[in-house]
Amino acid sequence: MKTSIRLAALLLAATAAISPARGAETSPAPALPDALIRYTTLDYVKALEMLLPLAQHGDPVAQEILGFMYMRGDGIPADATTAFNWFALAADAGRAEAQFQLGRIYRDGTDVPRDGKTALYWFGRAAQQGAPDAMNAAGEIYLGRDDVSADYAAALEWFFHAAEHGSAQAMFNIGTRYALGQGVARDEIEAFKWFELAAKEGIGGLRDNAATARINIATRLTPMQVQMASVRAQNWMKAHRANRIQ
């Protein structure tokens, strides 16, 4: 579901980005917008027919969408290798979502050798463009793997960046670090604060997990400490939203 939401947002952004400015030169046939409409209306056969020549001629948006089509098996057999190849082209051209997907592929070892350091590189490229999921993913790698040593301070730095950009998963991850004392002094008031933020900002299972963690922490806090943590959460959110608007 999360990938579907992200892809829907991606398509909206791509459509807006390719809308020509008044007075600018336009191509006689707006093939990419038409292809994106076909894709969003689930006409995958026609979308593929329209996207393929655009991608072959170097259009990074078309390349990125083809990556998703082959990754998800949208109207065609899923093909991880082909998906990787299209994502790689789009990522090299600067598409943040393709960079994030490449990071995931290397992180998980999906049809490529599992490589945390290369995953970090691509997550970093996407993070530079303000992608909160990429920031959070980079932080999670620093929690420790067989190919990347645990560095809780680095993980927290990434999580804080992601939280500032609205990542509820990063908020949950920060709460967990405070609850366990990883990279910071153990502080259950701060842990409650971040679990409360994650519960308010998250959806689905993440929201439920954050709410459960918050309840568990609350059993070990006094009512005054719970109130203190809630006020901290409210103050953080006010500042966060103000910063996002600026």
Protein backbone atom coordinates (compact mmCIF):
# COMPACT_ATOMS: atom_id res chain seq x y z
CA MET A 1 0.00 0.00 0.00
CA LYS A 2 2.78 2.40 0.88
CA THR A 3 4.43 1.85 -2.52
CA SER A 4 1.09 2.48 -4.24
CA ILE A 5 0.63 5.78 -2.38
CA ARG A 6 4.18 6.83 -3.25
CA LEU A 7 3.68 5.89 -6.90
CA ALA A 8 0.45 7.86 -7.09
CA ALA A 9 2.23 10.91 -5.71
CA LEU A 10 5.08 10.32 -8.13
CA LEU A 11 2.72 10.27 -11.12
CA LEU A 12 1.05 13.48 -10.00
CA ALA A 13 4.43 15.17 -9.60
CA ALA A 14 5.65 13.86 -12.94
CA THR A 15 2.54 15.13 -14.71
CA ALA A 16 2.96 18.56 -13.13
CA ALA A 17 6.65 18.67 -13.98
CA ILE A 18 6.08 17.99 -17.66
CA SER A 19 3.28 20.51 -18.07
CA PRO A 20 4.76 23.12 -20.43
CA ALA A 21 5.12 26.71 -19.25
CA ARG A 22 3.23 29.35 -21.20
CA GLY A 23 5.25 30.44 -24.18
CA ALA A 24 7.63 27.48 -23.97
CA GLU A 25 8.21 25.24 -26.94
CA THR A 26 6.14 22.07 -26.81
CA SER A 27 6.35 18.84 -28.71
CA PRO A 28 3.47 18.23 -31.13
CA ALA A 29 2.37 15.07 -29.30
CA PRO A 30 2.31 15.06 -25.47
CA ALA A 31 3.18 11.36 -25.41
CA LEU A 32 4.41 11.17 -21.83
CA PRO A 33 1.31 12.75 -20.24
CA ASP A 34 -0.86 10.43 -22.31
CA ALA A 35 1.23 7.45 -21.28
CA LEU A 36 0.92 8.38 -17.59
CA ILE A 37 -2.85 8.70 -17.96
CA ARG A 38 -2.94 5.23 -19.51
CA TYR A 39 -0.90 3.89 -16.63
CA THR A 40 -3.02 5.50 -13.90
CA THR A 41 -6.18 4.13 -15.55
CA LEU A 42 -4.60 0.64 -15.52
CA ASP A 43 -4.38 0.43 -19.31
CA TYR A 44 -0.99 -1.25 -18.97
CA VAL A 45 -0.76 -2.59 -22.51
CA LYS A 46 -1.12 0.86 -24.07
CA ALA A 47 1.01 2.47 -21.34
CA LEU A 48 3.86 0.06 -22.08
CA GLU A 49 3.53 0.67 -25.80
CA MET A 50 3.79 4.44 -25.25
CA LEU A 51 6.41 4.43 -22.50
CA LEU A 52 8.91 2.07 -24.08
CA PRO A 53 10.03 4.29 -27.00
CA LEU A 54 10.16 7.32 -24.68
CA ALA A 55 12.35 5.43 -22.22
CA GLN A 56 14.57 4.11 -25.00
CA HIS A 57 15.12 7.72 -26.10
CA GLY A 58 16.23 8.71 -22.62
CA ASP A 59 13.11 10.04 -20.88
CA PRO A 60 13.85 9.46 -17.16
CA VAL A 61 10.20 9.60 -16.05
CA ALA A 62 9.27 6.92 -18.57
CA GLN A 63 12.27 4.86 -17.45
CA GLU A 64 11.20 5.15 -13.82
CA ILE A 65 7.60 4.11 -14.53
CA LEU A 66 8.81 1.15 -16.57
CA GLY A 67 10.92 0.18 -13.57
CA PHE A 68 7.77 0.07 -11.46
CA MET A 69 5.85 -1.83 -14.12
CA TYR A 70 8.47 -4.56 -14.30
CA MET A 71 8.97 -4.59 -10.53
CA ARG A 72 5.26 -4.94 -9.78
CA GLY A 73 4.26 -6.97 -12.83
CA ASP A 74 1.78 -4.35 -14.06
CA GLY A 75 0.28 -5.97 -17.14
CA ILE A 76 3.53 -7.83 -17.85
CA PRO A 77 5.42 -10.63 -16.11
CA ALA A 78 7.42 -9.24 -13.21
CA ASP A 79 11.10 -9.09 -14.10
CA ALA A 80 13.51 -7.89 -11.41
CA THR A 81 16.46 -7.59 -13.81
CA THR A 82 14.59 -5.42 -16.29
CA ALA A 83 13.16 -3.32 -13.45
CA PHE A 84 16.68 -2.79 -12.12
CA ASN A 85 17.97 -1.70 -15.52
CA TRP A 86 15.24 0.90 -15.99
CA PHE A 87 15.59 2.19 -12.43
CA ALA A 88 19.36 2.49 -12.93
CA LEU A 89 18.92 4.67 -16.01
CA ALA A 90 16.37 6.89 -14.28
CA ALA A 91 18.51 7.10 -11.14
CA ASP A 92 21.56 8.18 -13.13
CA ALA A 93 19.40 10.89 -14.66
CA GLY A 94 18.55 12.18 -11.18
CA ARG A 95 15.12 10.70 -10.46
CA ALA A 96 14.88 10.50 -6.64
CA GLU A 97 12.32 7.70 -6.54
CA ALA A 98 14.42 5.55 -8.86
CA GLN A 99 17.43 6.22 -6.64
CA PHE A 100 15.41 5.12 -3.62
CA GLN A 101 14.28 1.95 -5.40
CA LEU A 102 17.88 1.12 -6.36
CA GLY A 103 18.83 1.53 -2.71
CA ARG A 104 16.11 -0.94 -1.72
CA ILE A 105 17.23 -3.41 -4.37
CA TYR A 106 20.83 -3.37 -3.12
CA ARG A 107 19.73 -3.37 0.52
CA ASP A 108 17.57 -6.47 0.04
CA GLY A 109 19.69 -8.20 -2.59
CA THR A 110 16.82 -8.40 -5.07
CA ASP A 111 18.39 -10.08 -8.11
CA VAL A 112 21.70 -8.36 -7.31
CA PRO A 113 24.32 -9.10 -4.63
CA ARG A 114 23.22 -7.72 -1.26
CA ASP A 115 25.30 -4.57 -0.73
CA GLY A 116 24.57 -2.21 2.15
CA LYS A 117 27.22 0.32 1.16
CA THR A 118 25.86 0.69 -2.36
CA ALA A 119 22.35 0.91 -0.89
CA LEU A 120 23.56 3.75 1.33
CA TYR A 121 24.97 5.55 -1.71
CA TRP A 122 21.64 5.49 -3.52
CA PHE A 123 19.62 6.31 -0.42
CA GLY A 124 21.97 9.25 0.09
CA ARG A 125 21.41 10.46 -3.47
CA ALA A 126 17.64 10.34 -2.98
CA ALA A 127 17.91 11.93 0.47
CA GLN A 128 19.77 14.89 -1.03
CA GLN A 129 16.59 15.58 -2.97
CA GLY A 130 14.50 15.54 0.21
CA ALA A 131 13.13 11.99 0.07
CA PRO A 132 12.17 11.11 3.69
CA ASP A 133 11.83 7.37 3.06
CA ALA A 134 15.39 7.31 1.74
CA MET A 135 16.64 9.15 4.83
CA ASN A 136 14.90 6.64 7.09
CA ALA A 137 16.18 3.70 5.05
CA ALA A 138 19.75 4.98 5.37
CA GLY A 139 19.30 5.21 9.12
CA GLU A 140 18.00 1.65 9.30
CA ILE A 141 21.09 0.35 7.54
CA TYR A 142 23.22 1.93 10.27
CA LEU A 143 21.35 -0.14 12.86
CA GLY A 144 23.74 -2.89 11.78
CA ARG A 145 24.08 -5.55 9.08
CA ASP A 146 26.65 -8.12 8.12
CA ASP A 147 28.09 -5.66 5.57
CA VAL A 148 27.63 -2.37 7.48
CA SER A 149 28.62 -2.04 11.13
CA ALA A 150 26.10 -0.66 13.60
CA ASP A 151 26.47 3.08 14.18
CA TYR A 152 23.55 4.26 16.29
CA ALA A 153 24.67 7.89 16.26
CA ALA A 154 24.66 7.90 12.44
CA ALA A 155 21.32 6.07 12.40
CA LEU A 156 19.76 8.67 14.69
CA GLU A 157 21.08 11.51 12.57
CA TRP A 158 19.34 10.08 9.54
CA PHE A 159 16.17 9.35 11.51
CA PHE A 160 15.99 12.92 12.79
CA HIS A 161 16.39 14.25 9.24
CA ALA A 162 13.64 11.92 8.03
CA ALA A 163 11.33 12.88 10.90
CA GLU A 164 11.80 16.56 10.05
CA HIS A 165 10.63 15.67 6.54
CA GLY A 166 7.53 13.91 7.88
CA SER A 167 8.54 10.24 8.09
CA ALA A 168 6.38 8.49 10.70
CA GLN A 169 8.58 5.40 10.43
CA ALA A 170 11.59 7.50 11.41
CA MET A 171 9.65 8.86 14.40
CA PHE A 172 8.97 5.29 15.48
CA ASN A 173 12.64 4.41 15.00
CA ILE A 174 13.71 7.36 17.14
CA GLY A 175 11.32 6.28 19.88
CA THR A 176 12.82 2.80 19.79
CA ARG A 177 16.35 4.18 20.13
CA TYR A 178 15.33 6.19 23.23
CA ALA A 179 13.50 3.18 24.68
CA LEU A 180 16.57 0.97 24.23
CA GLY A 181 19.25 3.57 24.86
CA GLN A 182 20.89 3.08 21.48
CA GLY A 183 22.97 6.09 20.46
CA VAL A 184 21.36 8.18 23.21
CA ALA A 185 20.82 7.89 26.94
CA ARG A 186 17.77 5.74 27.67
CA ASP A 187 14.84 8.10 28.17
CA GLU A 188 11.30 6.72 28.28
CA ILE A 189 9.72 10.18 28.32
CA GLU A 190 11.40 10.96 25.00
CA ALA A 191 10.51 7.47 23.76
CA PHE A 192 6.83 8.11 24.59
CA LYS A 193 7.02 11.46 22.78
CA TRP A 194 8.30 9.91 19.57
CA PHE A 195 5.89 6.96 19.71
CA GLU A 196 3.05 9.44 20.14
CA LEU A 197 4.22 11.37 17.09
CA ALA A 198 4.51 8.15 15.08
CA ALA A 199 1.02 7.07 16.16
CA LYS A 200 -0.43 10.41 15.05
CA GLU A 201 1.45 10.61 11.75
CA GLY A 202 1.55 6.93 10.79
CA ILE A 203 -1.02 4.78 9.04
CA GLY A 204 -1.96 1.11 9.19
CA GLY A 205 0.35 -1.26 11.00
CA LEU A 206 2.89 1.44 11.78
CA ARG A 207 0.27 3.51 13.59
CA ASP A 208 -0.88 0.45 15.53
CA ASN A 209 2.66 -0.53 16.51
CA ALA A 210 3.44 3.00 17.66
CA ALA A 211 0.24 3.17 19.71
CA THR A 212 1.06 -0.16 21.36
CA ALA A 213 4.62 0.97 22.14
CA ARG A 214 3.26 4.19 23.62
CA ILE A 215 0.86 2.27 25.86
CA ASN A 216 3.62 -0.05 27.04
CA ILE A 217 5.88 2.89 27.89
CA ALA A 218 3.04 4.68 29.69
CA THR A 219 2.71 1.82 32.20
CA ARG A 220 6.18 2.72 33.49
CA LEU A 221 5.65 6.49 33.64
CA THR A 222 3.81 8.66 36.10
CA PRO A 223 0.79 10.65 34.87
CA MET A 224 2.90 13.81 35.07
CA GLN A 225 5.62 12.23 32.91
CA VAL A 226 3.02 11.14 30.35
CA GLN A 227 1.68 14.69 30.25
CA MET A 228 5.21 16.05 29.85
CA ALA A 229 5.88 13.69 26.95
CA SER A 230 2.61 14.64 25.24
CA VAL A 231 3.40 18.36 25.54
CA ARG A 232 6.84 17.71 24.03
CA ALA A 233 5.20 15.89 21.13
CA GLN A 234 2.75 18.75 20.56
CA ASN A 235 5.53 21.33 20.66
CA TRP A 236 7.68 19.33 18.26
CA MET A 237 4.81 18.98 15.81
CA LYS A 238 4.02 22.69 15.93
CA ALA A 239 7.64 23.55 15.19
CA HIS A 240 7.85 20.84 12.55
CA ARG A 241 4.80 22.07 10.67
CA ALA A 242 5.99 25.67 10.91
CA ASN A 243 9.36 24.67 9.43
CA ARG A 244 7.67 22.72 6.63
CA ILE A 245 5.57 25.73 5.67
CA GLN A 246 8.55 28.10 5.52
